[in-house]
PDB file of N, CA and C in Angstrom:
ATOM      1  N   MET A   1       7.758   1.998   3.308  1.00  0.00           N
ATOM      2  CA  MET A   1       8.774   3.018   2.857  1.00  0.00           C
ATOM      3  C   MET A   1       9.821   2.071   1.957  1.00  0.00           C
ATOM      4  N   ASP A   2       9.708   2.563   0.651  1.00  0.00           N
ATOM      5  CA  ASP A   2      10.509   2.038  -0.323  1.00  0.00           C
ATOM      6  C   ASP A   2      11.911   2.845  -0.325  1.00  0.00           C
ATOM      7  N   LEU A   3      13.172   2.460   0.466  1.00  0.00           N
ATOM      8  CA  LEU A   3      14.095   2.821   0.792  1.00  0.00           C
ATOM      9  C   LEU A   3      15.028   1.800   0.767  1.00  0.00           C
ATOM     10  N   PRO A   4      16.614   2.028   0.529  1.00  0.00           N
ATOM     11  CA  PRO A   4      17.581   1.106   0.449  1.00  0.00           C
ATOM     12  C   PRO A   4      17.473   0.775   2.087  1.00  0.00           C
ATOM     13  N   PRO A   5      17.943  -0.828   2.331  1.00  0.00           N
ATOM     14  CA  PRO A   5      17.757  -1.625   3.421  1.00  0.00           C
ATOM     15  C   PRO A   5      18.172  -0.694   4.754  1.00  0.00           C
ATOM     16  N   LEU A   6      19.688  -0.256   4.495  1.00  0.00           N
ATOM     17  CA  LEU A   6      20.315   0.409   5.622  1.00  0.00           C
ATOM     18  C   LEU A   6      19.657   1.582   6.014  1.00  0.00           C
ATOM     19  N   LEU A   7      18.992   2.580   4.684  1.00  0.00           N
ATOM     20  CA  LEU A   7      18.637   3.908   5.259  1.00  0.00           C
ATOM     21  C   LEU A   7      17.400   3.375   6.056  1.00  0.00           C
ATOM     22  N   ARG A   8      16.696   2.502   5.429  1.00  0.00           N
ATOM     23  CA  ARG A   8      15.228   2.365   6.007  1.00  0.00           C
ATOM     24  C   ARG A   8      15.441   1.653   7.573  1.00  0.00           C
ATOM     25  N   ASP A   9      16.517   0.937   7.483  1.00  0.00           N
ATOM     26  CA  ASP A   9      16.915   0.518   9.268  1.00  0.00           C
ATOM     27  C   ASP A   9      16.860   1.638   9.916  1.00  0.00           C
ATOM     28  N   LEU A  10      17.934   2.861   9.390  1.00  0.00           N
ATOM     29  CA  LEU A  10      18.324   3.744  10.373  1.00  0.00           C
ATOM     30  C   LEU A  10      16.841   4.764  10.463  1.00  0.00           C
ATOM     31  N   VAL A  11      16.067   4.944   9.514  1.00  0.00           N
ATOM     32  CA  VAL A  11      14.604   5.706   9.898  1.00  0.00           C
ATOM     33  C   VAL A  11      13.959   5.049  10.668  1.00  0.00           C
ATOM     34  N   ARG A  12      13.555   3.911  10.709  1.00  0.00           N
ATOM     35  CA  ARG A  12      12.970   2.739  11.380  1.00  0.00           C
ATOM     36  C   ARG A  12      13.616   3.112  13.055  1.00  0.00           C
ATOM     37  N   ASN A  13      14.667   3.217  12.857  1.00  0.00           N
ATOM     38  CA  ASN A  13      15.613   2.764  14.635  1.00  0.00           C
ATOM     39  C   ASN A  13      15.163   4.137  14.980  1.00  0.00           C
ATOM     40  N   VAL A  14      15.164   5.587  14.322  1.00  0.00           N
ATOM     41  CA  VAL A  14      15.211   6.848  14.964  1.00  0.00           C
ATOM     42  C   VAL A  14      13.487   6.645  15.328  1.00  0.00           C
ATOM     43  N   LEU A  15      12.668   6.281  14.397  1.00  0.00           N
ATOM     44  CA  LEU A  15      11.286   6.385  14.849  1.00  0.00           C
ATOM     45  C   LEU A  15      10.777   5.510  16.111  1.00  0.00           C
ATOM     46  N   VAL A  16      11.463   4.573  15.824  1.00  0.00           N
ATOM     47  CA  VAL A  16      11.237   3.394  17.242  1.00  0.00           C
ATOM     48  C   VAL A  16      11.380   4.078  18.445  1.00  0.00           C
ATOM     49  N   ASP A  17      12.873   4.518  18.262  1.00  0.00           N
ATOM     50  CA  ASP A  17      13.201   5.289  19.700  1.00  0.00           C
ATOM     51  C   ASP A  17      12.900   6.576  20.382  1.00  0.00           C
ATOM     52  N   ALA A  18      12.135   7.167  19.486  1.00  0.00           N
ATOM     53  CA  ALA A  18      11.492   8.698  19.685  1.00  0.00           C
ATOM     54  C   ALA A  18      10.108   8.478  20.730  1.00  0.00           C
ATOM     55  N   PRO A  19      10.021   9.089  21.657  1.00  0.00           N
ATOM     56  CA  PRO A  19       8.849   8.830  22.595  1.00  0.00           C
ATOM     57  C   PRO A  19       7.412   9.179  22.391  1.00  0.00           C
ATOM     58  N   ASP A  20       7.366  10.146  21.344  1.00  0.00           N
ATOM     59  CA  ASP A  20       6.070  10.592  20.877  1.00  0.00           C
ATOM     60  C   ASP A  20       5.659  10.042  19.384  1.00  0.00           C
ATOM     61  N   VAL A  21       6.380   9.105  18.785  1.00  0.00           N
ATOM     62  CA  VAL A  21       6.435   8.530  17.688  1.00  0.00           C
ATOM     63  C   VAL A  21       6.014   6.963  17.919  1.00  0.00           C
ATOM     64  N   TRP A  22       4.980   6.751  17.031  1.00  0.00           N
ATOM     65  CA  TRP A  22       4.649   4.988  16.604  1.00  0.00           C
ATOM     66  C   TRP A  22       4.540   4.826  15.467  1.00  0.00           C
ATOM     67  N   LEU A  23       5.140   3.956  15.323  1.00  0.00           N
ATOM     68  CA  LEU A  23       5.556   3.177  14.106  1.00  0.00           C
ATOM     69  C   LEU A  23       4.286   2.464  13.717  1.00  0.00           C
ATOM     70  N   VAL A  24       3.234   2.898  12.917  1.00  0.00           N
ATOM     71  CA  VAL A  24       1.822   1.908  12.944  1.00  0.00           C
ATOM     72  C   VAL A  24       1.887   0.954  11.830  1.00  0.00           C
ATOM     73  N   GLY A  25       3.118   0.964  10.876  1.00  0.00           N
ATOM     74  CA  GLY A  25       2.768  -0.057   9.784  1.00  0.00           C
ATOM     75  C   GLY A  25       3.819   0.501   8.723  1.00  0.00           C
ATOM     76  N   GLU A  26       4.198  -0.684   8.030  1.00  0.00           N
ATOM     77  CA  GLU A  26       5.016  -0.416   7.050  1.00  0.00           C
ATOM     78  C   GLU A  26       4.611  -1.136   5.856  1.00  0.00           C
ATOM     79  N   THR A  27       4.798  -0.608   4.276  1.00  0.00           N
ATOM     80  CA  THR A  27       4.638  -1.586   3.002  1.00  0.00           C
ATOM     81  C   THR A  27       5.605  -1.119   2.131  1.00  0.00           C
ATOM     82  N   ASP A  28       5.792  -2.064   1.259  1.00  0.00           N
ATOM     83  CA  ASP A  28       6.335  -1.791   0.238  1.00  0.00           C
ATOM     84  C   ASP A  28       5.638  -1.863  -1.532  1.00  0.00           C
ATOM     85  N   ASP A  29       4.274  -1.839  -0.863  1.00  0.00           N
ATOM     86  CA  ASP A  29       3.542  -1.981  -2.144  1.00  0.00           C
ATOM     87  C   ASP A  29       2.657  -0.796  -2.370  1.00  0.00           C
ATOM     88  N   ALA A  30       3.318   0.198  -2.962  1.00  0.00           N
ATOM     89  CA  ALA A  30       2.607   1.489  -3.647  1.00  0.00           C
ATOM     90  C   ALA A  30       1.187   1.045  -3.792  1.00  0.00           C
ATOM     91  N   LEU A  31       1.020   0.203  -4.509  1.00  0.00           N
ATOM     92  CA  LEU A  31      -0.449   0.058  -4.917  1.00  0.00           C
ATOM     93  C   LEU A  31      -1.738   0.109  -4.065  1.00  0.00           C
ATOM     94  N   HIS A  32      -1.103  -0.787  -2.835  1.00  0.00           N
ATOM     95  CA  HIS A  32      -2.053  -0.759  -1.706  1.00  0.00           C
ATOM     96  C   HIS A  32      -2.077   0.253  -0.904  1.00  0.00           C
ATOM     97  N   LEU A  33      -1.233   1.264  -1.026  1.00  0.00           N
ATOM     98  CA  LEU A  33      -0.788   2.470  -0.017  1.00  0.00           C
ATOM     99  C   LEU A  33      -1.931   2.744   0.303  1.00  0.00           C
ATOM    100  N   GLU A  34      -2.577   3.022  -0.194  1.00  0.00           N
ATOM    101  CA  GLU A  34      -3.997   4.148   0.123  1.00  0.00           C
ATOM    102  C   GLU A  34      -4.826   3.452   1.192  1.00  0.00           C
ATOM    103  N   ALA A  35      -5.074   1.913   0.941  1.00  0.00           N
ATOM    104  CA  ALA A  35      -5.819   1.200   1.681  1.00  0.00           C
ATOM    105  C   ALA A  35      -5.061   0.902   3.077  1.00  0.00           C
ATOM    106  N   VAL A  36      -3.584   0.958   3.073  1.00  0.00           N
ATOM    107  CA  VAL A  36      -3.128   0.959   4.502  1.00  0.00           C
ATOM    108  C   VAL A  36      -3.524   2.394   4.720  1.00  0.00           C
ATOM    109  N   VAL A  37      -2.968   3.513   4.298  1.00  0.00           N
ATOM    110  CA  VAL A  37      -3.328   4.616   4.539  1.00  0.00           C
ATOM    111  C   VAL A  37      -4.825   4.880   5.333  1.00  0.00           C
ATOM    112  N   ARG A  38      -5.790   4.262   4.584  1.00  0.00           N
ATOM    113  CA  ARG A  38      -7.237   4.453   5.060  1.00  0.00           C
ATOM    114  C   ARG A  38      -7.390   3.402   6.561  1.00  0.00           C
ATOM    115  N   ASP A  39      -6.799   2.413   6.265  1.00  0.00           N
ATOM    116  CA  ASP A  39      -7.082   1.445   7.638  1.00  0.00           C
ATOM    117  C   ASP A  39      -6.398   1.902   8.752  1.00  0.00           C
ATOM    118  N   LEU A  40      -4.926   2.326   8.678  1.00  0.00           N
ATOM    119  CA  LEU A  40      -4.124   2.945   9.925  1.00  0.00           C
ATOM    120  C   LEU A  40      -4.328   4.267  10.310  1.00  0.00           C
ATOM    121  N   ALA A  41      -4.825   5.261   9.105  1.00  0.00           N
ATOM    122  CA  ALA A  41      -4.970   6.781   9.424  1.00  0.00           C
ATOM    123  C   ALA A  41      -3.415   7.174  10.205  1.00  0.00           C
ATOM    124  N   PRO A  42      -2.443   6.973   9.541  1.00  0.00           N
ATOM    125  CA  PRO A  42      -1.331   7.708   9.990  1.00  0.00           C
ATOM    126  C   PRO A  42      -1.414   9.158   9.916  1.00  0.00           C
ATOM    127  N   ASP A  43      -0.255   9.927  10.399  1.00  0.00           N
ATOM    128  CA  ASP A  43      -0.149  11.354  10.638  1.00  0.00           C
ATOM    129  C   ASP A  43       0.841  11.466   9.259  1.00  0.00           C
ATOM    130  N   VAL A  44       1.612  10.515   9.138  1.00  0.00           N
ATOM    131  CA  VAL A  44       2.832  10.846   8.104  1.00  0.00           C
ATOM    132  C   VAL A  44       3.049   9.540   7.497  1.00  0.00           C
ATOM    133  N   VAL A  45       3.249  10.006   6.012  1.00  0.00           N
ATOM    134  CA  VAL A  45       3.696   8.877   5.643  1.00  0.00           C
ATOM    135  C   VAL A  45       4.994   8.746   4.673  1.00  0.00           C
ATOM    136  N   ILE A  46       6.229   8.042   5.253  1.00  0.00           N
ATOM    137  CA  ILE A  46       7.114   8.175   4.557  1.00  0.00           C
ATOM    138  C   ILE A  46       7.699   7.263   3.554  1.00  0.00           C
ATOM    139  N   CYS A  47       8.355   7.828   2.359  1.00  0.00           N
ATOM    140  CA  CYS A  47       8.508   7.018   1.220  1.00  0.00           C
ATOM    141  C   CYS A  47       9.847   7.198   0.530  1.00  0.00           C
ATOM    142  N   GLY A  48      10.339   6.537  -0.299  1.00  0.00           N
ATOM    143  CA  GLY A  48      11.444   6.695  -1.055  1.00  0.00           C
ATOM    144  C   GLY A  48      11.565   7.240  -2.161  1.00  0.00           C
ATOM    145  N   VAL A  49      12.297   7.652  -2.811  1.00  0.00           N
ATOM    146  CA  VAL A  49      12.453   8.698  -4.122  1.00  0.00           C
ATOM    147  C   VAL A  49      13.069   7.905  -5.143  1.00  0.00           C
ATOM    148  N   ARG A  50      12.487   7.590  -6.511  1.00  0.00           N
ATOM    149  CA  ARG A  50      13.111   7.091  -7.386  1.00  0.00           C
ATOM    150  C   ARG A  50      12.957   8.096  -8.499  1.00  0.00           C
ATOM    151  N   GLY A  51      14.551   8.228  -9.099  1.00  0.00           N
ATOM    152  CA  GLY A  51      14.650   9.427  -9.869  1.00  0.00           C
ATOM    153  C   GLY A  51      14.350  10.779  -8.919  1.00  0.00           C
ATOM    154  N   ARG A  52      13.312  11.316  -9.425  1.00  0.00           N
ATOM    155  CA  ARG A  52      13.054  13.004  -8.983  1.00  0.00           C
ATOM    156  C   ARG A  52      11.975  12.883  -8.406  1.00  0.00           C
ATOM    157  N   GLU A  53      11.073  11.961  -8.159  1.00  0.00           N
ATOM    158  CA  GLU A  53       9.892  12.037  -7.957  1.00  0.00           C
ATOM    159  C   GLU A  53       9.625  10.686  -6.576  1.00  0.00           C
ATOM    160  N   PRO A  54       8.997  11.058  -5.478  1.00  0.00           N
ATOM    161  CA  PRO A  54       8.518  10.243  -4.419  1.00  0.00           C
ATOM    162  C   PRO A  54       8.012   8.843  -4.736  1.00  0.00           C
ATOM    163  N   ASN A  55       8.108   7.777  -4.180  1.00  0.00           N
ATOM    164  CA  ASN A  55       7.349   6.691  -4.558  1.00  0.00           C
ATOM    165  C   ASN A  55       5.604   6.744  -4.419  1.00  0.00           C
ATOM    166  N   VAL A  56       5.404   7.890  -3.787  1.00  0.00           N
ATOM    167  CA  VAL A  56       4.044   7.940  -3.361  1.00  0.00           C
ATOM    168  C   VAL A  56       3.705   9.401  -3.798  1.00  0.00           C
ATOM    169  N   ASP A  57       2.136   8.904  -4.443  1.00  0.00           N
ATOM    170  CA  ASP A  57       1.657  10.441  -4.697  1.00  0.00           C
ATOM    171  C   ASP A  57       1.580  11.428  -4.076  1.00  0.00           C
ATOM    172  N   PRO A  58       2.139  12.502  -3.767  1.00  0.00           N
ATOM    173  CA  PRO A  58       1.913  13.464  -2.818  1.00  0.00           C
ATOM    174  C   PRO A  58       0.685  13.971  -2.565  1.00  0.00           C
ATOM    175  N   SER A  59      -0.056  13.962  -3.825  1.00  0.00           N
ATOM    176  CA  SER A  59      -1.577  14.333  -3.399  1.00  0.00           C
ATOM    177  C   SER A  59      -2.496  13.207  -2.408  1.00  0.00           C
ATOM    178  N   LEU A  60      -1.803  12.262  -2.162  1.00  0.00           N
ATOM    179  CA  LEU A  60      -2.257  11.452  -0.805  1.00  0.00           C
ATOM    180  C   LEU A  60      -2.688  12.515  -0.234  1.00  0.00           C
ATOM    181  N   VAL A  61      -1.708  13.056   0.219  1.00  0.00           N
ATOM    182  CA  VAL A  61      -1.955  14.080   1.538  1.00  0.00           C
ATOM    183  C   VAL A  61      -3.539  14.832   1.232  1.00  0.00           C
ATOM    184  N   LEU A  62      -3.882  15.301   0.300  1.00  0.00           N
ATOM    185  CA  LEU A  62      -5.310  15.784   0.184  1.00  0.00           C
ATOM    186  C   LEU A  62      -6.353  14.683  -0.201  1.00  0.00           C
ATOM    187  N   ARG A  63      -5.970  13.575  -0.331  1.00  0.00           N
ATOM    188  CA  ARG A  63      -7.242  12.953  -0.267  1.00  0.00           C
ATOM    189  C   ARG A  63      -7.247  11.785   0.797  1.00  0.00           C
ATOM    190  N   SER A  64      -6.532  12.149   1.634  1.00  0.00           N
ATOM    191  CA  SER A  64      -6.770  11.134   3.018  1.00  0.00           C
ATOM    192  C   SER A  64      -6.953  12.213   4.300  1.00  0.00           C
ATOM    193  N   SER A  65      -6.523  11.457   5.282  1.00  0.00           N
ATOM    194  CA  SER A  65      -6.239  12.143   6.577  1.00  0.00           C
ATOM    195  C   SER A  65      -4.884  12.467   6.721  1.00  0.00           C
ATOM    196  N   ILE A  66      -3.809  12.008   5.992  1.00  0.00           N
ATOM    197  CA  ILE A  66      -2.519  12.128   6.562  1.00  0.00           C
ATOM    198  C   ILE A  66      -2.220  13.663   6.339  1.00  0.00           C
ATOM    199  N   ALA A  67      -1.417  14.190   7.297  1.00  0.00           N
ATOM    200  CA  ALA A  67      -1.044  15.682   7.292  1.00  0.00           C
ATOM    201  C   ALA A  67       0.304  15.870   6.441  1.00  0.00           C
ATOM    202  N   ARG A  68       1.057  14.759   6.311  1.00  0.00           N
ATOM    203  CA  ARG A  68       2.398  15.100   5.693  1.00  0.00           C
ATOM    204  C   ARG A  68       3.111  13.699   5.015  1.00  0.00           C
ATOM    205  N   VAL A  69       3.721  13.965   3.904  1.00  0.00           N
ATOM    206  CA  VAL A  69       4.590  12.738   2.970  1.00  0.00           C
ATOM    207  C   VAL A  69       5.699  13.281   3.453  1.00  0.00           C
ATOM    208  N   LEU A  70       6.703  12.097   3.716  1.00  0.00           N
ATOM    209  CA  LEU A  70       7.812  12.638   3.711  1.00  0.00           C
ATOM    210  C   LEU A  70       8.750  11.804   2.581  1.00  0.00           C
ATOM    211  N   ALA A  71       9.582  12.186   1.498  1.00  0.00           N
ATOM    212  CA  ALA A  71       9.850  11.794   0.825  1.00  0.00           C
ATOM    213  C   ALA A  71      11.279  11.820   1.063  1.00  0.00           C
ATOM    214  N   ILE A  72      12.182  10.454   0.830  1.00  0.00           N
ATOM    215  CA  ILE A  72      13.558  10.228   1.397  1.00  0.00           C
ATOM    216  C   ILE A  72      14.110   9.809   0.195  1.00  0.00           C
ATOM    217  N   ASP A  73      15.026  10.446  -0.500  1.00  0.00           N
ATOM    218  CA  ASP A  73      15.966   9.684  -1.689  1.00  0.00           C
ATOM    219  C   ASP A  73      17.246   8.671  -1.050  1.00  0.00           C
ATOM    220  N   PRO A  74      17.436   8.005  -2.003  1.00  0.00           N
ATOM    221  CA  PRO A  74      18.856   6.945  -1.419  1.00  0.00           C
ATOM    222  C   PRO A  74      20.163   7.861  -0.718  1.00  0.00           C
ATOM    223  N   ALA A  75      20.157   8.763  -1.010  1.00  0.00           N
ATOM    224  CA  ALA A  75      21.263   9.588  -0.200  1.00  0.00           C
ATOM    225  C   ALA A  75      20.873  10.266   1.069  1.00  0.00           C
ATOM    226  N   GLY A  76      19.944  10.168   1.484  1.00  0.00           N
ATOM    227  CA  GLY A  76      19.262  10.613   2.646  1.00  0.00           C
ATOM    228  C   GLY A  76      18.439  11.988   2.669  1.00  0.00           C
ATOM    229  N   THR A  77      18.383  12.630   1.614  1.00  0.00           N
ATOM    230  CA  THR A  77      17.884  13.714   1.370  1.00  0.00           C
ATOM    231  C   THR A  77      16.202  13.767   1.426  1.00  0.00           C
ATOM    232  N   GLY A  78      15.573  14.647   2.154  1.00  0.00           N
ATOM    233  CA  GLY A  78      14.285  14.486   2.120  1.00  0.00           C
ATOM    234  C   GLY A  78      13.563  15.909   1.825  1.00  0.00           C
ATOM    235  N   GLU A  79      12.092  15.491   1.542  1.00  0.00           N
ATOM    236  CA  GLU A  79      11.295  16.635   1.241  1.00  0.00           C
ATOM    237  C   GLU A  79      10.029  16.256   1.887  1.00  0.00           C
ATOM    238  N   LEU A  80       9.125  17.449   2.347  1.00  0.00           N
ATOM    239  CA  LEU A  80       8.172  17.004   2.947  1.00  0.00           C
ATOM    240  C   LEU A  80       7.211  17.751   2.332  1.00  0.00           C
ATOM    241  N   TYR A  81       6.191  17.251   2.251  1.00  0.00           N
ATOM    242  CA  TYR A  81       4.742  17.405   1.702  1.00  0.00           C
ATOM    243  C   TYR A  81       3.697  17.936   2.521  1.00  0.00           C
ATOM    244  N   GLU A  82       3.308  18.800   2.760  1.00  0.00           N
ATOM    245  CA  GLU A  82       2.188  19.072   3.746  1.00  0.00           C
ATOM    246  C   GLU A  82       0.923  19.678   3.318  1.00  0.00           C
ATOM    247  N   ASN A  83       0.168  19.361   3.999  1.00  0.00           N
ATOM    248  CA  ASN A  83      -1.557  19.789   3.649  1.00  0.00           C
ATOM    249  C   ASN A  83      -1.926  20.706   5.188  1.00  0.00           C
ATOM    250  N   LYS A  84      -1.661  21.908   4.916  1.00  0.00           N
ATOM    251  CA  LYS A  84      -2.194  22.922   6.010  1.00  0.00           C
ATOM    252  C   LYS A  84      -3.534  23.508   5.751  1.00  0.00           C
ATOM    253  N   VAL A  85      -3.963  23.741   6.573  1.00  0.00           N
ATOM    254  CA  VAL A  85      -5.195  24.573   6.421  1.00  0.00           C
ATOM    255  C   VAL A  85      -4.605  26.045   7.139  1.00  0.00           C
ATOM    256  N   LEU A  86      -4.546  26.980   6.339  1.00  0.00           N
ATOM    257  CA  LEU A  86      -4.357  28.357   6.580  1.00  0.00           C
ATOM    258  C   LEU A  86      -5.058  29.786   6.693  1.00  0.00           C
ATOM    259  N   ARG A  87      -5.543  30.276   7.405  1.00  0.00           N
ATOM    260  CA  ARG A  87      -6.393  31.550   7.511  1.00  0.00           C
ATOM    261  C   ARG A  87      -6.066  32.832   7.822  1.00  0.00           C
ATOM    262  N   ARG A  88      -6.155  33.427   6.763  1.00  0.00           N
ATOM    263  CA  ARG A  88      -5.863  35.033   6.993  1.00  0.00           C
ATOM    264  C   ARG A  88      -7.091  35.845   6.941  1.00  0.00           C
ATOM    265  N   ARG A  89      -7.063  36.950   7.696  1.00  0.00           N
ATOM    266  CA  ARG A  89      -8.275  37.772   8.144  1.00  0.00           C
ATOM    267  C   ARG A  89      -8.187  38.726   7.045  1.00  0.00           C
ATOM    268  N   LEU A  90      -9.049  38.955   6.103  1.00  0.00           N
ATOM    269  CA  LEU A  90      -9.141  40.163   5.118  1.00  0.00           C
ATOM    270  C   LEU A  90      -9.518  41.076   5.762  1.00  0.00           C
ATOM    271  N   GLY A  91     -10.286  41.045   6.354  1.00  0.00           N
ATOM    272  CA  GLY A  91     -10.843  42.572   6.901  1.00  0.00           C
ATOM    273  C   GLY A  91     -12.061  42.770   6.019  1.00  0.00           C
ATOM    274  N   ALA A  92     -12.415  43.982   5.783  1.00  0.00           N
ATOM    275  CA  ALA A  92     -13.304  44.362   5.096  1.00  0.00           C
ATOM    276  C   ALA A  92     -13.257  44.183   3.429  1.00  0.00           C
ATOM    277  N   LEU A  93     -14.393  43.503   2.704  1.00  0.00           N
ATOM    278  CA  LEU A  93     -13.999  43.031   1.423  1.00  0.00           C
ATOM    279  C   LEU A  93     -14.240  44.226   0.619  1.00  0.00           C
ATOM    280  N   SER A  94     -13.361  44.159  -0.270  1.00  0.00           N
ATOM    281  CA  SER A  94     -13.512  45.143  -1.812  1.00  0.00           C
ATOM    282  C   SER A  94     -13.135  44.394  -2.721  1.00  0.00           C
ATOM    283  N   ALA A  95     -13.315  45.037  -3.926  1.00  0.00           N
ATOM    284  CA  ALA A  95     -12.934  44.261  -5.512  1.00  0.00           C
ATOM    285  C   ALA A  95     -11.600  43.752  -5.241  1.00  0.00           C
ATOM    286  N   ASP A  96     -11.162  44.752  -4.670  1.00  0.00           N
ATOM    287  CA  ASP A  96      -9.374  44.030  -4.907  1.00  0.00           C
ATOM    288  C   ASP A  96      -9.083  43.027  -4.216  1.00  0.00           C
ATOM    289  N   THR A  97      -9.598  43.001  -2.833  1.00  0.00           N
ATOM    290  CA  THR A  97      -9.484  42.146  -1.496  1.00  0.00           C
ATOM    291  C   THR A  97      -9.942  41.122  -2.199  1.00  0.00           C
ATOM    292  N   LEU A  98     -11.144  40.861  -2.614  1.00  0.00           N
ATOM    293  CA  LEU A  98     -11.692  39.746  -3.365  1.00  0.00           C
ATOM    294  C   LEU A  98     -11.097  38.756  -4.485  1.00  0.00           C
ATOM    295  N   LEU A  99     -10.714  39.739  -5.443  1.00  0.00           N
ATOM    296  CA  LEU A  99      -9.921  39.279  -6.127  1.00  0.00           C
ATOM    297  C   LEU A  99      -8.617  38.523  -6.060  1.00  0.00           C
ATOM    298  N   ASP A 100      -7.971  39.728  -5.065  1.00  0.00           N
ATOM    299  CA  ASP A 100      -6.411  39.021  -4.359  1.00  0.00           C
ATOM    300  C   ASP A 100      -6.613  37.725  -3.722  1.00  0.00           C
ATOM    301  N   ALA A 101      -7.730  37.444  -2.915  1.00  0.00           N
ATOM    302  CA  ALA A 101      -7.750  36.284  -2.132  1.00  0.00           C
ATOM    303  C   ALA A 101      -8.250  34.952  -3.310  1.00  0.00           C
ATOM    304  N   VAL A 102      -9.336  35.431  -4.552  1.00  0.00           N
ATOM    305  CA  VAL A 102      -9.309  34.501  -5.265  1.00  0.00           C
ATOM    306  C   VAL A 102      -8.294  33.798  -6.198  1.00  0.00           C
ATOM    307  N   GLU A 103      -7.450  35.108  -6.627  1.00  0.00           N
ATOM    308  CA  GLU A 103      -6.243  34.673  -7.350  1.00  0.00           C
ATOM    309  C   GLU A 103      -5.142  34.352  -7.211  1.00  0.00           C
ATOM    310  N   HIS A 104      -5.094  34.469  -5.703  1.00  0.00           N
ATOM    311  CA  HIS A 104      -3.314  34.466  -5.072  1.00  0.00           C
ATOM    312  C   HIS A 104      -3.400  33.494  -3.923  1.00  0.00           C
ATOM    313  N   GLY A 105      -4.426  33.541  -3.213  1.00  0.00           N
ATOM    314  CA  GLY A 105      -4.733  32.601  -1.862  1.00  0.00           C
ATOM    315  C   GLY A 105      -3.959  33.284  -1.010  1.00  0.00           C
ATOM    316  N   TRP A 106      -3.189  32.292  -0.453  1.00  0.00           N
ATOM    317  CA  TRP A 106      -2.601  32.724   0.978  1.00  0.00           C
ATOM    318  C   TRP A 106      -1.546  33.322   0.615  1.00  0.00           C
ATOM    319  N   ARG A 107      -0.966  34.326   1.018  1.00  0.00           N
ATOM    320  CA  ARG A 107       0.510  35.319   0.845  1.00  0.00           C
ATOM    321  C   ARG A 107       0.617  35.763   2.508  1.00  0.00           C
ATOM    322  N   PRO A 108       1.693  35.629   3.297  1.00  0.00           N
ATOM    323  CA  PRO A 108       1.899  35.777   4.221  1.00  0.00           C
ATOM    324  C   PRO A 108       2.153  37.220   4.396  1.00  0.00           C
TER     325      PRO A 108
END
């Protein structure tokens, strides 16, 4: 969690006190994060934000088993990146339905 020390402590304390949450590891080394994620297989990675971008590449969600990346800026504002598998029943395929699914993907 590359966060300011006070914010890092607050986040850690909230997680440690939560009954169904296990803090499985911490690192400030973004270069070794993929190895840490591979070894520990967390559901969520929490990271800091520098400028407008998270300190972790959000595509890590796609390249690993993690379900979410939570990026928190120094002011305590967060953005959540999720990798969700969605399913939409298309019914009988027509040319239009097929093209719509290929071109636009998921639309609720």
